[in-house]
C-alpha atoms as a PDB file:
ATOM      1  CA  MET A   1     101.728  55.524  78.275  1.00  0.00           C
ATOM      2  CA  TYR A   2     102.854  53.056  80.909  1.00  0.00           C
ATOM      3  CA  ARG A   3     104.246  50.323  78.676  1.00  0.00           C
ATOM      4  CA  SER A   4     107.492  50.577  76.775  1.00  0.00           C
ATOM      5  CA  LEU A   5     107.684  48.814  73.447  1.00  0.00           C
ATOM      6  CA  PHE A   6     111.117  47.256  73.295  1.00  0.00           C
ATOM      7  CA  PRO A   7     111.599  44.928  70.308  1.00  0.00           C
ATOM      8  CA  ARG A   8     111.645  41.889  72.609  1.00  0.00           C
ATOM      9  CA  ASP A   9     108.237  42.890  74.022  1.00  0.00           C
ATOM     10  CA  MET A  10     106.484  43.323  70.667  1.00  0.00           C
ATOM     11  CA  PHE A  11     105.118  39.755  70.484  1.00  0.00           C
ATOM     12  CA  ALA A  12     103.978  39.887  74.116  1.00  0.00           C
ATOM     13  CA  GLU A  13     102.139  43.153  73.392  1.00  0.00           C
ATOM     14  CA  MET A  14     100.528  41.665  70.274  1.00  0.00           C
ATOM     15  CA  ASP A  15      99.414  38.632  72.303  1.00  0.00           C
ATOM     16  CA  ARG A  16      97.966  40.894  75.028  1.00  0.00           C
ATOM     17  CA  LEU A  17      96.145  43.006  72.429  1.00  0.00           C
ATOM     18  CA  GLN A  18      94.679  39.880  70.799  1.00  0.00           C
ATOM     19  CA  ARG A  19      93.436  38.565  74.198  1.00  0.00           C
ATOM     20  CA  GLU A  20      91.851  41.932  75.018  1.00  0.00           C
ATOM     21  CA  MET A  21      90.110  42.066  71.630  1.00  0.00           C
ATOM     22  CA  GLN A  22      88.771  38.522  72.074  1.00  0.00           C
ATOM     23  CA  GLN A  23      87.543  39.315  75.570  1.00  0.00           C
ATOM     24  CA  ALA A  24      85.834  42.503  74.386  1.00  0.00           C
ATOM     25  CA  PHE A  25      83.681  40.597  71.882  1.00  0.00           C
ATOM     26  CA  ASP A  26      83.389  37.197  73.557  1.00  0.00           C
ATOM     27  CA  LEU A  27      80.756  36.791  76.264  1.00  0.00           C
ATOM     28  CA  SER A  28      81.285  33.067  76.798  1.00  0.00           C
ATOM     29  CA  PRO A  29      82.901  31.968  80.058  1.00  0.00           C
ATOM     30  CA  THR A  30      86.613  31.186  80.114  1.00  0.00           C
ATOM     31  CA  ILE A  31      88.938  29.839  82.760  1.00  0.00           C
ATOM     32  CA  ARG A  32      89.295  33.421  84.014  1.00  0.00           C
ATOM     33  CA  GLY A  33      85.551  34.083  84.127  1.00  0.00           C
ATOM     34  CA  PHE A  34      83.505  36.115  81.696  1.00  0.00           C
ATOM     35  CA  GLY A  35      85.261  38.179  79.087  1.00  0.00           C
ATOM     36  CA  ARG A  36      84.113  41.490  80.497  1.00  0.00           C
ATOM     37  CA  ASN A  37      86.699  41.388  83.314  1.00  0.00           C
ATOM     38  CA  GLY A  38      84.583  43.034  85.980  1.00  0.00           C
ATOM     39  CA  PHE A  39      86.187  44.113  89.213  1.00  0.00           C
ATOM     40  CA  PRO A  40      85.820  42.813  91.803  1.00  0.00           C
ATOM     41  CA  ALA A  41      85.559  39.204  90.686  1.00  0.00           C
ATOM     42  CA  LEU A  42      82.405  37.594  92.095  1.00  0.00           C
ATOM     43  CA  ASN A  43      81.341  34.143  93.197  1.00  0.00           C
ATOM     44  CA  VAL A  44      77.600  33.800  93.773  1.00  0.00           C
ATOM     45  CA  GLY A  45      75.880  30.753  95.164  1.00  0.00           C
ATOM     46  CA  GLY A  46      73.336  29.787  97.726  1.00  0.00           C
ATOM     47  CA  THR A  47      71.751  27.390 100.112  1.00  0.00           C
ATOM     48  CA  PRO A  48      68.042  26.827 100.775  1.00  0.00           C
ATOM     49  CA  GLN A  49      68.296  29.491 103.530  1.00  0.00           C
ATOM     50  CA  THR A  50      70.713  32.073 102.048  1.00  0.00           C
ATOM     51  CA  VAL A  51      72.208  33.673  98.970  1.00  0.00           C
ATOM     52  CA  GLU A  52      76.004  33.914  99.312  1.00  0.00           C
ATOM     53  CA  ILE A  53      78.056  36.502  97.417  1.00  0.00           C
ATOM     54  CA  TYR A  54      81.850  36.670  97.553  1.00  0.00           C
ATOM     55  CA  ALA A  55      83.564  39.724  96.033  1.00  0.00           C
ATOM     56  CA  PHE A  56      87.329  39.367  95.731  1.00  0.00           C
ATOM     57  CA  ALA A  57      88.705  42.867  96.320  1.00  0.00           C
ATOM     58  CA  PRO A  58      92.175  42.821  97.886  1.00  0.00           C
ATOM     59  CA  GLY A  59      93.795  46.084  98.832  1.00  0.00           C
ATOM     60  CA  ILE A  60      90.572  48.019  99.338  1.00  0.00           C
ATOM     61  CA  ASP A  61      89.680  49.856 102.520  1.00  0.00           C
ATOM     62  CA  PRO A  62      86.316  48.337 103.534  1.00  0.00           C
ATOM     63  CA  SER A  63      85.083  51.716 104.776  1.00  0.00           C
ATOM     64  CA  THR A  64      85.192  52.998 101.177  1.00  0.00           C
ATOM     65  CA  VAL A  65      83.004  50.194  99.773  1.00  0.00           C
ATOM     66  CA  GLU A  66      79.257  50.735  99.482  1.00  0.00           C
ATOM     67  CA  VAL A  67      76.822  47.827  99.440  1.00  0.00           C
ATOM     68  CA  ASN A  68      73.234  48.776  98.599  1.00  0.00           C
ATOM     69  CA  LEU A  69      70.111  46.711  98.069  1.00  0.00           C
ATOM     70  CA  ASP A  70      67.192  48.354  96.295  1.00  0.00           C
ATOM     71  CA  ARG A  71      64.207  46.425  94.882  1.00  0.00           C
ATOM     72  CA  GLY A  72      66.134  43.194  94.475  1.00  0.00           C
ATOM     73  CA  LEU A  73      69.210  44.818  92.913  1.00  0.00           C
ATOM     74  CA  LEU A  74      72.403  44.469  94.962  1.00  0.00           C
ATOM     75  CA  THR A  75      75.090  47.043  94.147  1.00  0.00           C
ATOM     76  CA  ILE A  76      78.728  46.888  95.258  1.00  0.00           C
ATOM     77  CA  ALA A  77      80.626  50.108  94.548  1.00  0.00           C
ATOM     78  CA  GLY A  78      83.878  51.692  95.594  1.00  0.00           C
ATOM     79  CA  GLU A  79      87.292  52.773  94.431  1.00  0.00           C
ATOM     80  CA  ARG A  80      90.717  51.194  94.464  1.00  0.00           C
ATOM     81  CA  LYS A  81      93.624  53.615  94.721  1.00  0.00           C
ATOM     82  CA  SER A  82      96.882  52.876  92.937  1.00  0.00           C
ATOM     83  CA  PRO A  83      99.823  51.916  95.168  1.00  0.00           C
ATOM     84  CA  LEU A  84     102.244  52.878  92.377  1.00  0.00           C
ATOM     85  CA  PRO A  85     104.093  56.193  92.439  1.00  0.00           C
ATOM     86  CA  GLN A  86     102.822  58.970  90.243  1.00  0.00           C
ATOM     87  CA  ALA A  87     104.557  59.155  86.884  1.00  0.00           C
ATOM     88  CA  ASP A  88     107.358  61.669  86.736  1.00  0.00           C
ATOM     89  CA  ALA A  89     110.431  62.260  84.578  1.00  0.00           C
ATOM     90  CA  ASN A  90     112.591  59.794  86.560  1.00  0.00           C
ATOM     91  CA  ALA A  91     110.095  56.939  87.033  1.00  0.00           C
ATOM     92  CA  ALA A  92     108.749  54.492  84.487  1.00  0.00           C
ATOM     93  CA  ILE A  93     106.071  51.846  84.887  1.00  0.00           C
ATOM     94  CA  HIS A  94     106.509  49.077  82.341  1.00  0.00           C
ATOM     95  CA  ILE A  95     103.544  46.846  83.199  1.00  0.00           C
ATOM     96  CA  ASN A  96     100.523  47.728  85.320  1.00  0.00           C
ATOM     97  CA  GLU A  97      97.896  44.948  85.233  1.00  0.00           C
ATOM     98  CA  ARG A  98      96.242  45.641  88.573  1.00  0.00           C
ATOM     99  CA  PHE A  99      92.853  47.336  88.376  1.00  0.00           C
ATOM    100  CA  GLU A 100      92.632  50.815  89.824  1.00  0.00           C
ATOM    101  CA  GLY A 101      89.829  53.344  89.838  1.00  0.00           C
ATOM    102  CA  ALA A 102      86.117  53.383  90.571  1.00  0.00           C
ATOM    103  CA  PHE A 103      84.100  50.188  90.234  1.00  0.00           C
ATOM    104  CA  ARG A 104      80.444  49.135  90.400  1.00  0.00           C
ATOM    105  CA  ARG A 105      79.027  45.614  90.225  1.00  0.00           C
ATOM    106  CA  MET A 106      75.293  44.919  90.211  1.00  0.00           C
ATOM    107  CA  LEU A 107      73.456  41.661  90.815  1.00  0.00           C
ATOM    108  CA  THR A 108      69.783  40.843  90.615  1.00  0.00           C
ATOM    109  CA  LEU A 109      68.808  38.770  93.654  1.00  0.00           C
ATOM    110  CA  PRO A 110      66.127  36.073  93.568  1.00  0.00           C
ATOM    111  CA  GLU A 111      62.574  37.053  94.495  1.00  0.00           C
ATOM    112  CA  ASP A 112      62.732  35.215  97.816  1.00  0.00           C
ATOM    113  CA  ALA A 113      65.718  37.258  99.078  1.00  0.00           C
ATOM    114  CA  ASP A 114      64.876  39.172 102.266  1.00  0.00           C
ATOM    115  CA  PRO A 115      66.091  42.802 102.005  1.00  0.00           C
ATOM    116  CA  GLU A 116      65.826  43.169 105.800  1.00  0.00           C
ATOM    117  CA  ALA A 117      68.297  40.326 106.478  1.00  0.00           C
ATOM    118  CA  VAL A 118      71.554  41.245 104.743  1.00  0.00           C
ATOM    119  CA  GLU A 119      74.991  40.952 106.321  1.00  0.00           C
ATOM    120  CA  ALA A 120      78.367  42.022 104.850  1.00  0.00           C
ATOM    121  CA  LYS A 121      81.832  41.190 106.190  1.00  0.00           C
ATOM    122  CA  TYR A 122      85.267  42.027 104.788  1.00  0.00           C
ATOM    123  CA  ARG A 123      88.233  39.843 105.683  1.00  0.00           C
ATOM    124  CA  ASP A 124      91.550  39.122 103.959  1.00  0.00           C
ATOM    125  CA  GLY A 125      90.529  40.923 100.765  1.00  0.00           C
ATOM    126  CA  VAL A 126      87.195  39.132 100.398  1.00  0.00           C
ATOM    127  CA  LEU A 127      83.834  40.852 100.871  1.00  0.00           C
ATOM    128  CA  HIS A 128      81.295  38.205 101.933  1.00  0.00           C
ATOM    129  CA  ILE A 129      77.635  39.202 101.654  1.00  0.00           C
ATOM    130  CA  THR A 130      74.937  36.918 103.045  1.00  0.00           C
ATOM    131  CA  VAL A 131      71.300  37.543 102.132  1.00  0.00           C
ATOM    132  CA  GLN A 132      68.720  35.451 104.003  1.00  0.00           C
ATOM    133  CA  ARG A 133      65.808  34.010 102.095  1.00  0.00           C
ATOM    134  CA  ARG A 134      62.307  34.751 103.344  1.00  0.00           C
ATOM    135  CA  ALA A 135      60.919  32.143 105.716  1.00  0.00           C
ATOM    136  CA  SER A 136      57.717  31.908 103.691  1.00  0.00           C
ATOM    137  CA  ALA A 137      59.769  30.772 100.690  1.00  0.00           C
ATOM    138  CA  GLN A 138      61.600  28.029 102.609  1.00  0.00           C
ATOM    139  CA  PRO A 139      60.688  24.489 101.687  1.00  0.00           C
ATOM    140  CA  ARG A 140      58.773  22.793 104.459  1.00  0.00           C
ATOM    141  CA  ARG A 141      57.190  19.445 105.044  1.00  0.00           C
ATOM    142  CA  ILE A 142      53.451  19.382 105.349  1.00  0.00           C
ATOM    143  CA  THR A 143      51.964  16.766 107.586  1.00  0.00           C
ATOM    144  CA  ILE A 144      49.009  14.824 106.303  1.00  0.00           C
ATOM    145  CA  GLN A 145      46.098  14.434 108.684  1.00  0.00           C
END
């Protein structure tokens, strides 16, 4: 186990355990997002021309991240390696709150998303995915004759 339970840490551990239990059963949004704590954290929004997805994934090699779009389902998958040393007899890790391991996030895109016009860029720990909307779905003004 990574955490040591010194007497002074007991209340902090109880508080952490209570927060984790609340998050496991609570699906309402909080200041930190939804209780499920998915990695990477996502911001999704859009304009009339595009759907914009921001995945916050610092410390990940972009060549190891897979972005797939299949029948309106966008999948972001990869793995984050731990920068911490492997546990041995002389090393102890007291707190490790950074996510490590394999991850997969899936989003259903709107029907007007164009699967042929998707662009992904990774910069400063943020994966930015832009999905164009189909031109036929764009609002347009119709002239009256």
